[in-house]
C-alpha atoms as a PDB file:
ATOM      1  CA  UNK A   1      13.919  23.319 -97.090  1.00  0.00           C
ATOM      2  CA  UNK A   2      17.040  24.249 -95.607  1.00  0.00           C
ATOM      3  CA  UNK A   3      17.584  26.173 -92.331  1.00  0.00           C
ATOM      4  CA  UNK A   4      19.843  29.223 -93.090  1.00  0.00           C
ATOM      5  CA  UNK A   5      19.251  31.068 -89.994  1.00  0.00           C
ATOM      6  CA  UNK A   6      18.988  29.952 -86.380  1.00  0.00           C
ATOM      7  CA  UNK A   7      18.520  32.323 -82.881  1.00  0.00           C
ATOM      8  CA  UNK A   8      19.786  30.311 -79.741  1.00  0.00           C
ATOM      9  CA  UNK A   9      19.799  31.508 -76.374  1.00  0.00           C
ATOM     10  CA  UNK A  10      20.934  29.810 -73.028  1.00  0.00           C
ATOM     11  CA  UNK A  11      20.237  30.591 -68.962  1.00  0.00           C
ATOM     12  CA  UNK A  12      22.143  28.969 -65.693  1.00  0.00           C
ATOM     13  CA  UNK A  13      18.722  27.207 -64.163  1.00  0.00           C
ATOM     14  CA  UNK A  14      18.222  30.400 -61.536  1.00  0.00           C
ATOM     15  CA  UNK A  15      19.511  32.967 -62.950  1.00  0.00           C
ATOM     16  CA  UNK A  16      16.703  34.117 -65.917  1.00  0.00           C
ATOM     17  CA  UNK A  17      17.901  37.575 -66.115  1.00  0.00           C
ATOM     18  CA  UNK A  18      21.358  36.683 -67.519  1.00  0.00           C
ATOM     19  CA  UNK A  19      20.647  34.856 -71.164  1.00  0.00           C
ATOM     20  CA  UNK A  20      23.584  33.906 -73.700  1.00  0.00           C
ATOM     21  CA  UNK A  21      22.714  34.444 -77.312  1.00  0.00           C
ATOM     22  CA  UNK A  22      23.630  33.639 -80.359  1.00  0.00           C
ATOM     23  CA  UNK A  23      22.817  33.405 -84.247  1.00  0.00           C
ATOM     24  CA  UNK A  24      23.737  30.984 -86.756  1.00  0.00           C
ATOM     25  CA  UNK A  25      23.860  30.973 -89.926  1.00  0.00           C
ATOM     26  CA  UNK A  26      24.209  28.713 -92.923  1.00  0.00           C
ATOM     27  CA  UNK A  27      25.618  26.200 -90.280  1.00  0.00           C
ATOM     28  CA  UNK A  28      28.611  29.224 -88.699  1.00  0.00           C
ATOM     29  CA  UNK A  29      27.913  30.311 -85.324  1.00  0.00           C
ATOM     30  CA  UNK A  30      27.951  34.411 -85.243  1.00  0.00           C
ATOM     31  CA  UNK A  31      29.266  36.415 -82.361  1.00  0.00           C
ATOM     32  CA  UNK A  32      28.117  35.310 -78.738  1.00  0.00           C
ATOM     33  CA  UNK A  33      26.357  38.062 -76.431  1.00  0.00           C
ATOM     34  CA  UNK A  34      24.991  38.346 -73.184  1.00  0.00           C
ATOM     35  CA  UNK A  35      21.696  40.070 -71.748  1.00  0.00           C
ATOM     36  CA  UNK A  36      21.983  41.143 -68.427  1.00  0.00           C
ATOM     37  CA  UNK A  37      18.336  42.250 -67.005  1.00  0.00           C
ATOM     38  CA  UNK A  38      17.995  43.161 -71.051  1.00  0.00           C
ATOM     39  CA  UNK A  39      21.435  45.467 -71.435  1.00  0.00           C
ATOM     40  CA  UNK A  40      23.683  43.928 -74.089  1.00  0.00           C
ATOM     41  CA  UNK A  41      27.011  43.037 -73.616  1.00  0.00           C
ATOM     42  CA  UNK A  42      29.341  41.390 -75.576  1.00  0.00           C
ATOM     43  CA  UNK A  43      30.733  37.354 -74.643  1.00  0.00           C
ATOM     44  CA  UNK A  44      34.056  35.771 -76.978  1.00  0.00           C
ATOM     45  CA  UNK A  45      33.778  32.086 -77.646  1.00  0.00           C
ATOM     46  CA  UNK A  46      36.931  30.397 -75.595  1.00  0.00           C
ATOM     47  CA  UNK A  47      40.298  31.519 -77.063  1.00  0.00           C
ATOM     48  CA  UNK A  48      38.180  32.927 -79.941  1.00  0.00           C
ATOM     49  CA  UNK A  49      37.201  30.037 -81.985  1.00  0.00           C
ATOM     50  CA  UNK A  50      33.401  29.074 -83.158  1.00  0.00           C
ATOM     51  CA  UNK A  51      31.887  25.966 -81.723  1.00  0.00           C
ATOM     52  CA  UNK A  52      30.954  23.521 -84.640  1.00  0.00           C
ATOM     53  CA  UNK A  53      29.744  20.396 -82.242  1.00  0.00           C
ATOM     54  CA  UNK A  54      27.046  20.477 -79.436  1.00  0.00           C
ATOM     55  CA  UNK A  55      30.026  19.113 -77.229  1.00  0.00           C
ATOM     56  CA  UNK A  56      32.058  22.661 -78.071  1.00  0.00           C
ATOM     57  CA  UNK A  57      28.597  24.569 -77.316  1.00  0.00           C
ATOM     58  CA  UNK A  58      27.933  22.155 -74.682  1.00  0.00           C
ATOM     59  CA  UNK A  59      31.743  23.731 -73.002  1.00  0.00           C
ATOM     60  CA  UNK A  60      30.698  27.098 -73.841  1.00  0.00           C
ATOM     61  CA  UNK A  61      27.385  26.790 -71.891  1.00  0.00           C
ATOM     62  CA  UNK A  62      29.652  25.092 -69.179  1.00  0.00           C
ATOM     63  CA  UNK A  63      31.892  27.864 -69.137  1.00  0.00           C
ATOM     64  CA  UNK A  64      29.079  30.642 -69.415  1.00  0.00           C
ATOM     65  CA  UNK A  65      27.240  28.924 -66.206  1.00  0.00           C
ATOM     66  CA  UNK A  66      30.435  28.905 -64.071  1.00  0.00           C
ATOM     67  CA  UNK A  67      30.846  32.754 -64.901  1.00  0.00           C
ATOM     68  CA  UNK A  68      26.767  33.612 -64.154  1.00  0.00           C
ATOM     69  CA  UNK A  69      27.496  31.401 -60.992  1.00  0.00           C
ATOM     70  CA  UNK A  70      30.820  33.792 -60.008  1.00  0.00           C
ATOM     71  CA  UNK A  71      29.672  37.168 -60.921  1.00  0.00           C
ATOM     72  CA  UNK A  72      25.877  37.244 -59.568  1.00  0.00           C
ATOM     73  CA  UNK A  73      25.381  34.761 -56.922  1.00  0.00           C
ATOM     74  CA  UNK A  74      24.961  37.306 -54.808  1.00  0.00           C
ATOM     75  CA  UNK A  75      22.899  39.243 -57.098  1.00  0.00           C
ATOM     76  CA  UNK A  76      19.268  39.125 -56.539  1.00  0.00           C
ATOM     77  CA  UNK A  77      17.767  41.212 -59.373  1.00  0.00           C
ATOM     78  CA  UNK A  78      18.933  39.099 -61.885  1.00  0.00           C
ATOM     79  CA  UNK A  79      17.822  35.420 -59.912  1.00  0.00           C
ATOM     80  CA  UNK A  80      14.491  33.846 -59.531  1.00  0.00           C
END
């Protein structure tokens, strides 16, 4: 059996209400998005590229974690 569609999500530890999500179809990552307390916001892969390997995804998740820490470090409504 071949997987043709998958959904992924990532959160920075300590910030469970800010979630990076993306779908993958036929091995290709589709547009990512962020949910903040359930509200959908846009997110773009760095420099517009689509990740192709685990190192690319890790770089994106690290970039997301830095953004979350900088943007929400004083917002207890998204922390947990």
